[in-house]
Amino acid sequence: MGMHKDPQELAEAVGAAMFPRDRNAHFLGIRLDEIRPGYARMSLSVRPEMTNGHDVCHGGIIYTLADTAFAYACNSHNGNALASACSIDYLAPAHPGDTLGVVCEERHLAGRTGVYDAVVTNQDGKRIALFRGKSHRVQGEVVRQQGE
């Protein structure tokens, strides 16, 4: 495997490779706070332009935050992985000025498929949404490893 023998080092290398190219995350202001094998933690500050006609954070923004953490968690092993299905349950509204955090964790990984759960909370620890993503591994790697 070359220079990334340690799974944690490999996960960090994946995050370092993906995040600069992640234009949508930068556009929304999503931050990558932590990445580990099968795990990602991210955060987002809710801005006024992210609200809908009810003056609460648009569900699509919350979904995108959770989906982004899912992307990092399911790619953290360095196999290119894409979403095959995702679902979300909205539990409470988020408001402009809130800081949303999300933790996405791998629940199952077998062959080419994985199942991941993400929990979105606000700055007070209140649960805002629950997200589940299913991943499918495709060809290739995020980070080319030395000696391959």
C-alpha atoms as a PDB file:
ATOM      1  CA  MET A   1       0.000   0.000   0.000  1.00  0.00           C
ATOM      2  CA  GLY A   2       2.951   2.338   0.212  1.00  0.00           C
ATOM      3  CA  MET A   3       2.917   5.558   2.185  1.00  0.00           C
ATOM      4  CA  HIS A   4      -0.649   5.324   3.581  1.00  0.00           C
ATOM      5  CA  LYS A   5      -0.459   2.127   5.616  1.00  0.00           C
ATOM      6  CA  ASP A   6      -2.384   3.518   8.564  1.00  0.00           C
ATOM      7  CA  PRO A   7      -6.183   3.710   7.965  1.00  0.00           C
ATOM      8  CA  GLN A   8      -6.354   7.056   9.792  1.00  0.00           C
ATOM      9  CA  GLU A   9      -3.566   8.536   7.657  1.00  0.00           C
ATOM     10  CA  LEU A  10      -5.340   7.268   4.557  1.00  0.00           C
ATOM     11  CA  ALA A  11      -8.668   8.810   5.656  1.00  0.00           C
ATOM     12  CA  GLU A  12      -6.934  12.144   6.257  1.00  0.00           C
ATOM     13  CA  ALA A  13      -5.265  11.947   2.841  1.00  0.00           C
ATOM     14  CA  VAL A  14      -8.677  11.328   1.252  1.00  0.00           C
ATOM     15  CA  GLY A  15     -10.102  14.381   3.044  1.00  0.00           C
ATOM     16  CA  ALA A  16      -7.124  16.488   1.990  1.00  0.00           C
ATOM     17  CA  ALA A  17      -7.577  15.391  -1.637  1.00  0.00           C
ATOM     18  CA  MET A  18     -11.371  15.739  -1.835  1.00  0.00           C
ATOM     19  CA  PHE A  19     -12.014  18.923   0.113  1.00  0.00           C
ATOM     20  CA  PRO A  20     -10.134  21.417  -2.103  1.00  0.00           C
ATOM     21  CA  ARG A  21     -12.082  20.108  -5.130  1.00  0.00           C
ATOM     22  CA  ASP A  22     -15.444  20.147  -3.306  1.00  0.00           C
ATOM     23  CA  ARG A  23     -16.804  23.341  -4.863  1.00  0.00           C
ATOM     24  CA  ASN A  24     -20.299  22.913  -3.449  1.00  0.00           C
ATOM     25  CA  ALA A  25     -18.983  22.618   0.111  1.00  0.00           C
ATOM     26  CA  HIS A  26     -16.985  25.823  -0.346  1.00  0.00           C
ATOM     27  CA  PHE A  27     -19.952  27.580  -1.965  1.00  0.00           C
ATOM     28  CA  LEU A  28     -22.143  26.794   1.061  1.00  0.00           C
ATOM     29  CA  GLY A  29     -19.376  27.259   3.640  1.00  0.00           C
ATOM     30  CA  ILE A  30     -19.357  23.642   4.812  1.00  0.00           C
ATOM     31  CA  ARG A  31     -16.284  22.854   6.907  1.00  0.00           C
ATOM     32  CA  LEU A  32     -14.580  19.458   7.213  1.00  0.00           C
ATOM     33  CA  ASP A  33     -13.897  19.235  10.938  1.00  0.00           C
ATOM     34  CA  GLU A  34     -12.768  15.616  11.266  1.00  0.00           C
ATOM     35  CA  ILE A  35     -12.376  12.517   9.128  1.00  0.00           C
ATOM     36  CA  ARG A  36     -11.648   8.969  10.248  1.00  0.00           C
ATOM     37  CA  PRO A  37     -12.153   5.580   8.601  1.00  0.00           C
ATOM     38  CA  GLY A  38     -15.925   5.319   8.085  1.00  0.00           C
ATOM     39  CA  TYR A  39     -16.555   8.647   9.830  1.00  0.00           C
ATOM     40  CA  ALA A  40     -16.816  12.342   9.012  1.00  0.00           C
ATOM     41  CA  ARG A  41     -17.766  15.397  11.053  1.00  0.00           C
ATOM     42  CA  MET A  42     -18.649  18.673   9.312  1.00  0.00           C
ATOM     43  CA  SER A  43     -20.290  21.980  10.144  1.00  0.00           C
ATOM     44  CA  LEU A  44     -22.138  24.849   8.504  1.00  0.00           C
ATOM     45  CA  SER A  45     -23.234  28.331   9.573  1.00  0.00           C
ATOM     46  CA  VAL A  46     -26.814  29.016   8.454  1.00  0.00           C
ATOM     47  CA  ARG A  47     -26.954  32.296   6.540  1.00  0.00           C
ATOM     48  CA  PRO A  48     -30.110  34.312   5.756  1.00  0.00           C
ATOM     49  CA  GLU A  49     -29.971  33.348   2.065  1.00  0.00           C
ATOM     50  CA  MET A  50     -30.285  29.670   3.086  1.00  0.00           C
ATOM     51  CA  THR A  51     -33.827  30.160   4.385  1.00  0.00           C
ATOM     52  CA  ASN A  52     -37.079  29.262   2.659  1.00  0.00           C
ATOM     53  CA  GLY A  53     -40.462  31.021   2.572  1.00  0.00           C
ATOM     54  CA  HIS A  54     -41.062  30.105   6.229  1.00  0.00           C
ATOM     55  CA  ASP A  55     -37.838  31.876   7.295  1.00  0.00           C
ATOM     56  CA  VAL A  56     -36.219  28.621   8.392  1.00  0.00           C
ATOM     57  CA  CYS A  57     -33.226  26.855   6.880  1.00  0.00           C
ATOM     58  CA  HIS A  58     -34.198  25.155   3.627  1.00  0.00           C
ATOM     59  CA  GLY A  59     -34.358  21.375   3.939  1.00  0.00           C
ATOM     60  CA  GLY A  60     -32.153  21.046   0.882  1.00  0.00           C
ATOM     61  CA  ILE A  61     -29.334  22.840   2.699  1.00  0.00           C
ATOM     62  CA  ILE A  62     -29.631  20.465   5.665  1.00  0.00           C
ATOM     63  CA  TYR A  63     -29.738  17.512   3.282  1.00  0.00           C
ATOM     64  CA  THR A  64     -26.661  18.782   1.449  1.00  0.00           C
ATOM     65  CA  LEU A  65     -24.735  19.107   4.719  1.00  0.00           C
ATOM     66  CA  ALA A  66     -25.600  15.520   5.696  1.00  0.00           C
ATOM     67  CA  ASP A  67     -24.957  14.216   2.180  1.00  0.00           C
ATOM     68  CA  THR A  68     -21.561  15.909   2.116  1.00  0.00           C
ATOM     69  CA  ALA A  69     -20.517  14.260   5.393  1.00  0.00           C
ATOM     70  CA  PHE A  70     -21.768  10.957   3.967  1.00  0.00           C
ATOM     71  CA  ALA A  71     -19.516  11.463   0.928  1.00  0.00           C
ATOM     72  CA  TYR A  72     -16.424  11.873   3.099  1.00  0.00           C
ATOM     73  CA  ALA A  73     -17.320   8.971   5.398  1.00  0.00           C
ATOM     74  CA  CYS A  74     -17.942   6.518   2.558  1.00  0.00           C
ATOM     75  CA  ASN A  75     -14.830   7.572   0.617  1.00  0.00           C
ATOM     76  CA  SER A  76     -12.593   7.562   3.719  1.00  0.00           C
ATOM     77  CA  HIS A  77     -11.275   4.053   2.935  1.00  0.00           C
ATOM     78  CA  ASN A  78      -9.989   5.448  -0.403  1.00  0.00           C
ATOM     79  CA  GLY A  79     -12.278   3.438  -2.692  1.00  0.00           C
ATOM     80  CA  ASN A  80     -14.303   5.766  -4.934  1.00  0.00           C
ATOM     81  CA  ALA A  81     -17.835   5.547  -3.576  1.00  0.00           C
ATOM     82  CA  LEU A  82     -21.042   7.202  -4.741  1.00  0.00           C
ATOM     83  CA  ALA A  83     -24.506   7.456  -3.237  1.00  0.00           C
ATOM     84  CA  SER A  84     -27.035   4.902  -4.466  1.00  0.00           C
ATOM     85  CA  ALA A  85     -29.867   6.020  -2.169  1.00  0.00           C
ATOM     86  CA  CYS A  86     -30.378   8.524   0.632  1.00  0.00           C
ATOM     87  CA  SER A  87     -33.219   9.478   2.926  1.00  0.00           C
ATOM     88  CA  ILE A  88     -33.705  12.164   5.547  1.00  0.00           C
ATOM     89  CA  ASP A  89     -36.065  12.830   8.425  1.00  0.00           C
ATOM     90  CA  TYR A  90     -36.415  16.451   9.500  1.00  0.00           C
ATOM     91  CA  LEU A  91     -36.931  16.700  13.253  1.00  0.00           C
ATOM     92  CA  ALA A  92     -36.705  20.418  14.056  1.00  0.00           C
ATOM     93  CA  PRO A  93     -36.123  23.655  12.151  1.00  0.00           C
ATOM     94  CA  ALA A  94     -32.789  25.415  11.880  1.00  0.00           C
ATOM     95  CA  HIS A  95     -32.615  29.201  11.785  1.00  0.00           C
ATOM     96  CA  PRO A  96     -30.314  31.887  10.393  1.00  0.00           C
ATOM     97  CA  GLY A  97     -27.372  32.284  12.756  1.00  0.00           C
ATOM     98  CA  ASP A  98     -27.445  28.628  13.808  1.00  0.00           C
ATOM     99  CA  THR A  99     -24.323  26.523  13.466  1.00  0.00           C
ATOM    100  CA  LEU A 100     -25.199  23.057  12.275  1.00  0.00           C
ATOM    101  CA  GLY A 101     -22.951  20.109  12.906  1.00  0.00           C
ATOM    102  CA  VAL A 102     -23.215  16.676  11.365  1.00  0.00           C
ATOM    103  CA  VAL A 103     -21.615  13.386  12.292  1.00  0.00           C
ATOM    104  CA  CYS A 104     -21.791  10.587   9.728  1.00  0.00           C
ATOM    105  CA  GLU A 105     -20.856   7.051  10.743  1.00  0.00           C
ATOM    106  CA  GLU A 106     -20.499   3.825   8.841  1.00  0.00           C
ATOM    107  CA  ARG A 107     -23.008   1.198   9.979  1.00  0.00           C
ATOM    108  CA  HIS A 108     -22.206  -1.593   7.515  1.00  0.00           C
ATOM    109  CA  LEU A 109     -19.708  -2.175   4.740  1.00  0.00           C
ATOM    110  CA  ALA A 110     -19.679  -5.369   2.686  1.00  0.00           C
ATOM    111  CA  GLY A 111     -18.402  -5.854  -0.828  1.00  0.00           C
ATOM    112  CA  ARG A 112     -19.236  -2.748  -2.846  1.00  0.00           C
ATOM    113  CA  THR A 113     -22.077  -1.462  -0.649  1.00  0.00           C
ATOM    114  CA  GLY A 114     -22.193   0.472   2.597  1.00  0.00           C
ATOM    115  CA  VAL A 115     -24.802   1.959   4.909  1.00  0.00           C
ATOM    116  CA  TYR A 116     -24.135   5.242   6.736  1.00  0.00           C
ATOM    117  CA  ASP A 117     -26.104   7.240   9.295  1.00  0.00           C
ATOM    118  CA  ALA A 118     -25.736  10.961   9.865  1.00  0.00           C
ATOM    119  CA  VAL A 119     -27.146  13.087  12.657  1.00  0.00           C
ATOM    120  CA  VAL A 120     -27.467  16.854  12.174  1.00  0.00           C
ATOM    121  CA  THR A 121     -27.572  18.956  15.340  1.00  0.00           C
ATOM    122  CA  ASN A 122     -27.547  22.672  16.106  1.00  0.00           C
ATOM    123  CA  GLN A 123     -25.141  24.552  18.367  1.00  0.00           C
ATOM    124  CA  ASP A 124     -27.222  23.570  21.426  1.00  0.00           C
ATOM    125  CA  GLY A 125     -27.008  19.871  20.590  1.00  0.00           C
ATOM    126  CA  LYS A 126     -30.651  19.730  19.490  1.00  0.00           C
ATOM    127  CA  ARG A 127     -31.260  17.128  16.789  1.00  0.00           C
ATOM    128  CA  ILE A 128     -32.308  18.773  13.523  1.00  0.00           C
ATOM    129  CA  ALA A 129     -32.317  15.798  11.130  1.00  0.00           C
ATOM    130  CA  LEU A 130     -31.487  12.119  10.723  1.00  0.00           C
ATOM    131  CA  PHE A 131     -30.035  10.976   7.404  1.00  0.00           C
ATOM    132  CA  ARG A 132     -29.240   7.532   6.023  1.00  0.00           C
ATOM    133  CA  GLY A 133     -27.110   6.999   2.935  1.00  0.00           C
ATOM    134  CA  LYS A 134     -26.317   3.872   0.998  1.00  0.00           C
ATOM    135  CA  SER A 135     -23.057   3.840  -0.928  1.00  0.00           C
ATOM    136  CA  HIS A 136     -21.848   1.903  -3.929  1.00  0.00           C
ATOM    137  CA  ARG A 137     -18.162   1.541  -4.621  1.00  0.00           C
ATOM    138  CA  VAL A 138     -17.050   2.157  -8.187  1.00  0.00           C
ATOM    139  CA  GLN A 139     -13.670   1.736  -9.853  1.00  0.00           C
ATOM    140  CA  GLY A 140     -10.661   3.714  -8.770  1.00  0.00           C
ATOM    141  CA  GLU A 141      -9.281   5.419  -5.710  1.00  0.00           C
ATOM    142  CA  VAL A 142      -9.445   8.946  -4.340  1.00  0.00           C
ATOM    143  CA  VAL A 143      -5.733   9.078  -3.507  1.00  0.00           C
ATOM    144  CA  ARG A 144      -3.208   7.268  -5.683  1.00  0.00           C
ATOM    145  CA  GLN A 145      -0.996   5.247  -3.385  1.00  0.00           C
ATOM    146  CA  GLN A 146       2.770   5.031  -3.721  1.00  0.00           C
ATOM    147  CA  GLY A 147       4.060   1.818  -5.235  1.00  0.00           C
ATOM    148  CA  GLU A 148       0.892   1.052  -7.202  1.00  0.00           C
END
